[in-house]
Protein backbone atom coordinates (compact mmCIF):
# COMPACT_ATOMS: atom_id res chain seq x y z
CA MET A 1 -92.04 90.88 -39.50
CA GLU A 2 -92.99 92.64 -42.12
CA SER A 3 -89.20 93.27 -42.84
CA MET A 4 -88.57 89.51 -42.44
CA TYR A 5 -91.65 88.39 -44.74
CA PRO A 6 -92.42 91.42 -47.03
CA GLY A 7 -96.45 91.75 -47.55
CA ARG A 8 -97.46 89.23 -45.44
CA THR A 9 -98.33 90.84 -42.13
CA PHE A 10 -100.73 93.34 -40.91
CA LEU A 11 -101.98 95.02 -37.66
CA GLY A 12 -105.25 94.64 -36.14
CA VAL A 13 -106.45 96.81 -33.21
CA ALA A 14 -109.37 97.68 -31.48
CA THR A 15 -110.77 99.20 -27.96
CA GLY A 16 -110.46 95.61 -26.52
CA GLU A 17 -112.54 93.46 -23.83
CA ALA A 18 -112.10 93.26 -20.25
CA MET A 19 -111.62 89.48 -20.14
CA ASN A 20 -108.02 90.17 -21.93
CA GLU A 21 -106.71 93.14 -19.76
CA SER A 22 -108.22 92.81 -16.10
CA PRO A 23 -106.80 90.02 -15.27
CA LEU A 24 -103.60 90.99 -16.21
CA GLY A 25 -104.27 94.54 -13.76
CA TYR A 26 -104.59 96.89 -16.32
CA GLU A 27 -107.35 99.48 -15.64
CA TRP A 28 -110.63 99.10 -17.82
CA PRO A 29 -111.75 102.76 -18.87
CA SER A 30 -114.69 104.03 -20.18
CA TYR A 31 -115.38 103.33 -23.97
CA ASN A 32 -114.55 106.89 -25.32
CA GLU A 33 -111.11 106.83 -22.81
CA ARG A 34 -110.47 103.65 -24.66
CA ALA A 35 -111.33 104.92 -28.38
CA GLN A 36 -109.17 107.66 -27.52
CA ARG A 37 -106.14 106.01 -26.58
CA THR A 38 -106.48 103.48 -29.70
CA ALA A 39 -106.66 106.74 -32.03
CA GLU A 40 -103.36 108.15 -30.32
CA ALA A 41 -102.01 104.86 -30.40
CA LEU A 42 -102.87 104.44 -34.12
CA ARG A 43 -100.86 107.88 -34.55
CA HIS A 44 -97.93 106.84 -32.72
CA VAL A 45 -97.53 103.46 -35.15
CA ARG A 46 -97.76 105.37 -38.02
CA THR A 47 -94.99 108.01 -36.67
CA LEU A 48 -92.71 105.13 -35.48
CA VAL A 49 -93.06 102.68 -38.66
CA ALA A 50 -92.16 105.73 -40.86
CA GLY A 51 -88.82 106.12 -39.21
CA ASP A 52 -89.36 108.44 -37.56
CA GLU A 53 -88.67 109.98 -33.95
CA LEU A 54 -91.36 110.25 -31.17
CA ASP A 55 -91.10 112.21 -28.14
CA THR A 56 -93.66 113.16 -26.77
CA ARG A 57 -95.62 113.23 -22.93
CA ASP A 58 -98.85 114.64 -23.71
CA GLY A 59 -101.91 112.10 -23.76
CA PHE A 60 -102.18 109.26 -22.90
CA TRP A 61 -98.91 107.19 -24.27
CA GLU A 62 -95.23 108.92 -23.15
CA PHE A 63 -92.29 108.50 -25.89
CA ASP A 64 -88.77 109.50 -24.70
CA GLU A 65 -86.93 109.74 -28.33
CA ALA A 66 -88.24 106.46 -29.34
CA ARG A 67 -87.47 105.14 -33.13
CA LEU A 68 -87.95 101.69 -34.83
CA TYR A 69 -84.38 100.43 -35.96
CA THR A 70 -85.93 98.46 -37.85
CA VAL A 71 -88.45 100.10 -40.44
CA PRO A 72 -90.31 98.18 -43.20
CA ASP A 73 -89.93 99.25 -46.71
CA GLU A 74 -93.95 99.54 -46.69
CA THR A 75 -96.10 100.35 -43.76
CA PRO A 76 -97.99 96.92 -43.07
CA ASP A 77 -102.00 97.61 -43.53
CA ILE A 78 -103.38 98.33 -40.11
CA TYR A 79 -106.89 97.47 -39.54
CA VAL A 80 -109.49 99.03 -37.13
CA GLY A 81 -112.02 96.24 -35.52
CA GLY A 82 -115.22 97.65 -34.11
CA TRP A 83 -119.07 97.63 -34.06
CA GLY A 84 -120.14 100.91 -34.48
CA THR A 85 -119.82 104.46 -35.69
CA THR A 86 -116.81 105.36 -34.12
CA PRO A 87 -114.54 103.26 -35.05
CA ALA A 88 -115.72 102.99 -38.49
CA ARG A 89 -114.81 106.97 -38.56
CA MET A 90 -111.54 105.71 -36.66
CA ALA A 91 -110.57 103.65 -39.50
CA GLY A 92 -111.40 105.23 -42.28
CA GLU A 93 -109.26 108.67 -41.22
CA LEU A 94 -106.35 106.69 -39.38
CA ALA A 95 -106.46 102.93 -41.07
CA ASP A 96 -106.47 100.94 -44.30
CA GLY A 97 -109.53 98.91 -42.99
CA PHE A 98 -112.28 98.34 -41.06
CA ALA A 99 -113.23 94.99 -39.71
CA THR A 100 -116.72 94.36 -38.34
CA VAL A 101 -119.31 92.02 -37.66
CA ALA A 102 -122.22 90.77 -40.18
CA PHE A 103 -124.77 93.60 -39.06
CA PRO A 104 -127.92 93.38 -41.54
CA PRO A 105 -126.22 94.37 -44.95
CA GLU A 106 -128.65 97.84 -44.99
CA GLN A 107 -127.01 98.79 -41.58
CA LEU A 108 -123.65 98.24 -42.95
CA ARG A 109 -124.67 100.47 -46.07
CA ASP A 110 -126.78 103.28 -44.03
CA GLU A 111 -124.69 103.41 -40.93
CA ILE A 112 -121.00 102.16 -41.28
CA LEU A 113 -119.90 102.85 -44.50
CA PRO A 114 -121.22 106.41 -44.29
CA ALA A 115 -118.81 106.80 -41.25
CA VAL A 116 -115.93 105.51 -42.73
CA GLU A 117 -116.21 107.93 -45.42
CA THR A 118 -116.44 110.61 -42.90
CA GLY A 119 -113.30 109.33 -41.41
CA ILE A 120 -111.47 108.78 -45.07
CA GLU A 121 -112.63 112.43 -45.55
CA ARG A 122 -110.40 113.92 -42.60
CA SER A 123 -107.64 111.81 -43.29
CA ASP A 124 -104.88 113.07 -45.23
CA ARG A 125 -103.70 109.29 -46.04
CA THR A 126 -106.61 107.84 -47.78
CA GLU A 127 -108.08 109.53 -50.85
CA SER A 128 -111.00 107.44 -51.19
CA ARG A 129 -112.96 104.28 -50.41
CA ASP A 130 -111.40 102.75 -53.41
CA ASP A 131 -107.99 102.14 -51.47
CA PHE A 132 -109.73 101.26 -48.05
CA GLU A 133 -110.66 97.58 -47.55
CA LEU A 134 -114.35 96.65 -45.32
CA VAL A 135 -113.86 93.26 -43.50
CA VAL A 136 -117.07 91.16 -42.55
CA HIS A 137 -116.74 88.65 -40.14
CA ILE A 138 -119.20 86.10 -40.13
CA HIS A 139 -119.78 83.89 -37.29
CA GLY A 140 -121.55 80.63 -36.94
CA ALA A 141 -121.72 77.10 -37.15
CA TYR A 142 -122.41 74.44 -39.75
CA ALA A 143 -123.42 71.02 -39.70
CA GLU A 144 -125.76 68.05 -41.05
CA SER A 145 -128.76 69.80 -38.89
CA LYS A 146 -129.71 72.85 -37.67
CA ARG A 147 -129.65 71.20 -34.22
CA THR A 148 -126.06 70.17 -34.11
CA ALA A 149 -124.76 73.13 -35.45
CA ILE A 150 -126.74 74.99 -32.54
CA GLU A 151 -124.90 72.83 -30.45
CA HIS A 152 -121.36 73.50 -31.65
CA LEU A 153 -122.19 77.30 -31.44
CA SER A 154 -123.73 77.21 -27.61
CA PRO A 155 -120.44 78.27 -25.85
CA TRP A 156 -120.54 81.45 -27.61
CA LYS A 157 -124.13 82.51 -26.48
CA ALA A 158 -122.64 84.65 -23.96
CA THR A 159 -121.13 87.02 -27.01
CA LEU A 160 -124.81 88.08 -27.69
CA LEU A 161 -124.85 89.87 -24.15
CA PRO A 162 -123.48 93.61 -24.96
CA VAL A 163 -122.82 93.66 -20.78
CA PHE A 164 -119.95 91.65 -21.05
CA PHE A 165 -118.27 93.91 -24.04
CA GLU A 166 -118.99 97.52 -21.63
CA TYR A 167 -118.29 96.85 -18.26
CA ASP A 168 -115.40 95.32 -16.18
CA VAL A 169 -116.34 91.30 -16.34
CA SER A 170 -113.42 89.02 -17.28
CA ASP A 171 -114.45 85.78 -15.88
CA PRO A 172 -115.09 83.20 -18.70
CA ARG A 173 -117.04 80.77 -16.15
CA PHE A 174 -119.19 84.16 -14.98
CA MET A 175 -119.63 84.62 -19.01
CA ARG A 176 -120.37 81.33 -19.84
CA GLU A 177 -122.95 80.68 -17.18
CA HIS A 178 -124.76 84.09 -17.96
CA GLY A 179 -124.67 83.29 -21.56
CA GLU A 180 -126.86 79.79 -20.80
CA LEU A 181 -129.99 82.56 -20.34
CA VAL A 182 -129.93 83.42 -24.21
CA SER A 183 -132.13 81.11 -26.20
CA ASP A 184 -130.71 78.64 -29.01
CA GLU A 185 -133.57 80.63 -30.96
CA ALA A 186 -132.10 83.85 -30.40
CA LEU A 187 -128.52 82.25 -30.94
CA ALA A 188 -129.76 80.93 -34.49
CA GLU A 189 -131.23 84.34 -35.11
CA GLU A 190 -128.37 86.45 -34.45
CA MET A 191 -125.43 84.25 -35.75
CA PHE A 192 -125.13 81.96 -38.51
CA VAL A 193 -126.60 78.41 -38.45
CA GLY A 194 -126.16 76.87 -42.06
CA THR A 195 -126.54 72.85 -42.97
CA THR A 196 -126.07 73.30 -46.50
CA PRO A 197 -123.64 74.76 -49.24
CA ASP A 198 -126.62 76.96 -50.56
CA ASP A 199 -127.18 78.47 -46.79
CA VAL A 200 -123.68 79.64 -47.02
CA ILE A 201 -123.91 81.21 -50.37
CA GLU A 202 -127.01 82.80 -49.06
CA LYS A 203 -125.33 84.29 -46.01
CA ILE A 204 -122.54 85.51 -47.88
CA GLU A 205 -124.11 87.12 -51.15
CA PRO A 206 -125.40 90.12 -50.10
CA TYR A 207 -122.40 91.28 -48.33
CA VAL A 208 -120.41 90.64 -51.38
CA GLU A 209 -122.67 92.76 -53.24
CA LEU A 210 -122.02 95.74 -50.85
CA GLY A 211 -118.33 95.39 -51.57
CA ALA A 212 -117.19 93.40 -48.77
CA ASP A 213 -113.40 92.92 -49.92
CA GLN A 214 -112.56 90.41 -47.26
CA ILE A 215 -115.51 87.92 -45.81
CA ILE A 216 -113.99 85.79 -42.77
CA LEU A 217 -115.76 82.99 -41.82
CA GLN A 218 -115.22 81.65 -37.96
CA ILE A 219 -117.15 78.58 -38.21
CA ALA A 220 -117.55 76.11 -35.70
CA THR A 221 -117.99 72.53 -36.63
CA PRO A 222 -116.21 69.30 -35.98
CA ASP A 223 -114.73 68.58 -39.57
CA HIS A 224 -112.80 71.58 -40.91
CA GLU A 225 -111.26 70.27 -43.19
CA ALA A 226 -114.59 69.29 -45.03
CA PHE A 227 -115.89 72.30 -44.37
CA ALA A 228 -112.95 74.26 -46.29
CA GLU A 229 -113.64 71.60 -49.03
CA MET A 230 -117.28 72.64 -49.59
CA LEU A 231 -116.34 76.29 -49.57
CA ALA A 232 -113.66 75.66 -52.42
CA THR A 233 -116.10 73.07 -54.48
CA ASP A 234 -119.72 74.39 -53.63
CA VAL A 235 -119.36 78.31 -52.21
CA PHE A 236 -116.22 79.92 -54.16
CA PRO A 237 -117.46 79.26 -57.74
CA CYS A 238 -120.62 81.11 -57.54
CA PHE A 239 -118.44 84.43 -56.64
CA GLU A 240 -115.68 84.14 -59.52
């Protein structure tokens, strides 16, 4: 893809979740093993995309004189996605950026970014934080009323239950059923719920001030075109 569309591709990796793997018959190991597998895989990706041959039977992955025969002029940016300090360190060491959820800004500042810096110090590729991107993912809803926004957001209630990311639970019907145990109040507290442009600005501003390089808005709303127009007209000019 990078050879066909230079500068327009990137690779995002993470330790995964059971609902994307268990139904296909894949093993669902512990988080520590998944993190080790991911880090090892990133090293192999770096080797292959550089045009080098890979021949190894050590570790989790086996290669027998593997080689990419279409090698890009430049390696696409690689992002690690995750929630805690372990993937943050992994990203700093092995990737070009870390994509994480909208933790309270002080938690990102005091826990996540120091872990990224630790990883960068271990890396022989990236010299400073200036060469590394922090991506903050904001999940929420936007509507004319708070009640309507929460209704649009309610299918995501199960994502507030850590059990579904830690254990081998893959049936979305089971997840949604148990997600109903999450109250509307808890949903509104943990995710973004907005009704005005000022709500969006207030949510984004602390992450801009923190130095986030990209902010992703995953917003549940029936009219995405109107939301995009509102961002362009009322929100983005505030950050120019």
